[in-house]
Protein backbone atom coordinates (compact mmCIF):
# COMPACT_ATOMS: atom_id res chain seq x y z
CA MET A 1 -104.54 -146.02 -22.27
CA GLU A 2 -107.03 -145.43 -19.46
CA GLY A 3 -105.06 -142.37 -18.36
CA LEU A 4 -105.41 -140.74 -21.75
CA ILE A 5 -109.08 -141.66 -22.01
CA SER A 6 -109.71 -140.09 -18.58
CA LEU A 7 -108.43 -136.75 -19.94
CA THR A 8 -110.96 -136.57 -22.77
CA LYS A 9 -114.12 -134.48 -22.71
CA LYS A 10 -116.90 -133.84 -25.20
CA THR A 11 -118.32 -130.43 -26.01
CA THR A 12 -121.97 -129.62 -26.54
CA PRO A 13 -123.78 -129.07 -28.84
CA SER A 14 -121.06 -129.70 -31.45
CA ASN A 15 -119.96 -133.01 -29.87
CA TYR A 16 -116.25 -132.49 -30.44
CA HIS A 17 -114.00 -134.66 -28.31
CA TYR A 18 -110.80 -133.12 -26.99
CA ILE A 19 -107.97 -133.95 -24.62
CA CYS A 20 -107.79 -131.69 -21.58
CA GLU A 21 -104.56 -130.30 -20.25
CA LYS A 22 -103.79 -131.61 -16.77
CA ASN A 23 -102.07 -129.32 -14.31
CA GLY A 24 -101.59 -130.97 -10.93
CA GLY A 25 -104.96 -132.35 -9.91
CA SER A 26 -107.09 -130.12 -12.13
CA LEU A 27 -108.09 -130.29 -15.78
CA SER A 28 -108.11 -127.29 -18.09
CA ASP A 29 -110.42 -127.13 -21.11
CA LYS A 30 -107.44 -126.46 -23.34
CA MET A 31 -106.07 -128.71 -26.06
CA ASP A 32 -102.68 -128.14 -27.61
CA GLU A 33 -102.32 -128.70 -31.33
CA LEU A 34 -99.66 -131.34 -30.65
CA ALA A 35 -102.34 -133.45 -28.95
CA CYS A 36 -103.54 -134.13 -32.49
CA PHE A 37 -100.90 -136.87 -32.60
CA ALA A 38 -102.91 -138.78 -29.95
CA PRO A 39 -105.47 -140.28 -32.38
CA GLY A 40 -102.64 -142.11 -34.15
CA MET A 41 -101.28 -143.37 -30.84
CA LEU A 42 -104.74 -144.56 -29.83
CA ALA A 43 -105.18 -146.38 -33.15
CA LEU A 44 -101.86 -148.18 -32.68
CA GLY A 45 -102.56 -149.01 -29.04
CA ALA A 46 -106.09 -150.30 -29.67
CA SER A 47 -104.73 -153.50 -31.18
CA GLY A 48 -103.54 -154.65 -27.75
CA TYR A 49 -107.09 -154.88 -26.36
CA GLY A 50 -110.07 -157.15 -26.83
CA LEU A 51 -112.69 -156.45 -29.49
CA GLU A 52 -115.08 -154.38 -27.37
CA LYS A 53 -112.42 -152.18 -25.77
CA SER A 54 -110.60 -151.85 -29.08
CA GLU A 55 -113.79 -150.57 -30.74
CA GLN A 56 -114.29 -148.06 -27.91
CA ILE A 57 -110.73 -146.77 -28.34
CA MET A 58 -111.07 -146.58 -32.13
CA ASN A 59 -114.33 -144.61 -31.81
CA LEU A 60 -112.57 -142.12 -29.53
CA GLU A 61 -109.68 -141.97 -32.00
CA LYS A 62 -112.07 -141.06 -34.82
CA GLU A 63 -113.75 -138.35 -32.76
CA LEU A 64 -110.45 -136.79 -31.70
CA ALA A 65 -109.23 -136.84 -35.30
CA ARG A 66 -112.45 -135.10 -36.39
CA ALA A 67 -111.88 -132.34 -33.83
CA CYS A 68 -108.28 -131.92 -34.96
CA TYR A 69 -109.35 -131.74 -38.59
CA ASN A 70 -111.70 -128.94 -37.63
CA PHE A 71 -108.88 -127.08 -35.84
CA TYR A 72 -107.30 -126.65 -39.24
CA GLN A 73 -110.49 -126.03 -41.19
CA THR A 74 -111.66 -123.14 -38.98
CA THR A 75 -108.71 -120.88 -39.76
CA PRO A 76 -108.48 -118.83 -42.95
CA THR A 77 -105.01 -120.21 -43.72
CA LYS A 78 -105.92 -123.82 -42.82
CA LEU A 79 -102.99 -123.80 -40.39
CA SER A 80 -103.77 -124.70 -36.81
CA GLY A 81 -103.14 -122.44 -33.86
CA GLU A 82 -100.94 -123.63 -31.01
CA ASN A 83 -103.76 -123.98 -28.43
CA TYR A 84 -107.54 -124.24 -28.54
CA PHE A 85 -110.02 -123.72 -25.73
CA SER A 86 -113.52 -124.89 -24.94
CA HIS A 87 -115.67 -122.58 -22.82
CA ALA A 88 -118.74 -123.65 -20.83
CA GLY A 89 -118.96 -126.97 -22.65
CA GLN A 90 -119.33 -125.31 -26.04
CA VAL A 91 -116.71 -125.24 -28.72
CA VAL A 92 -115.04 -121.90 -29.00
CA TRP A 93 -112.05 -123.11 -30.92
CA GLN A 94 -110.15 -119.89 -31.03
CA PRO A 95 -106.45 -120.17 -31.54
CA ALA A 96 -104.68 -118.53 -28.64
CA PHE A 97 -101.70 -117.70 -30.82
CA PHE A 98 -99.71 -118.93 -33.78
CA LEU A 99 -96.05 -119.79 -33.56
CA LEU A 100 -94.02 -118.61 -36.50
CA PRO A 101 -90.93 -120.53 -37.55
CA HIS A 102 -87.67 -118.89 -36.60
CA ARG A 103 -85.89 -117.17 -39.42
CA CYS A 104 -82.51 -118.59 -40.07
CA SER A 105 -79.75 -117.00 -41.99
CA LEU A 106 -77.36 -119.09 -43.97
C-alpha cells in the first residue's frame, strides 16, 4: 500500500490527485486511464489497516476517484483517453490519444 501511496501527487490549483508513472528511479507526471482501477483496490485494501491509516487511504481513494471521474467528464464523448498528463503542477488533462477497438469480421 505504501508503494502505491508514494506514487501519488496532487496538482495545484485544482487539487486533483493522480498516480505517477514510474520508470526506473524517476516519476513521470503521467497517469494511464487503467490506473482508475486503483481507487477500488485502495478501498478494498484499507480494511486491513487501523482506523487512522484506513481513513487516510480512503481519503486518497476518494480523491483519485474524483480525478478519474473528471478524466471522463472533460471529453466531448465522455470517453476517457488512454493517458493524461499534468504539467508544472497544474492539471492539463489532455488525452494523449484514444485507442479504438479493433474491428473484427465474423
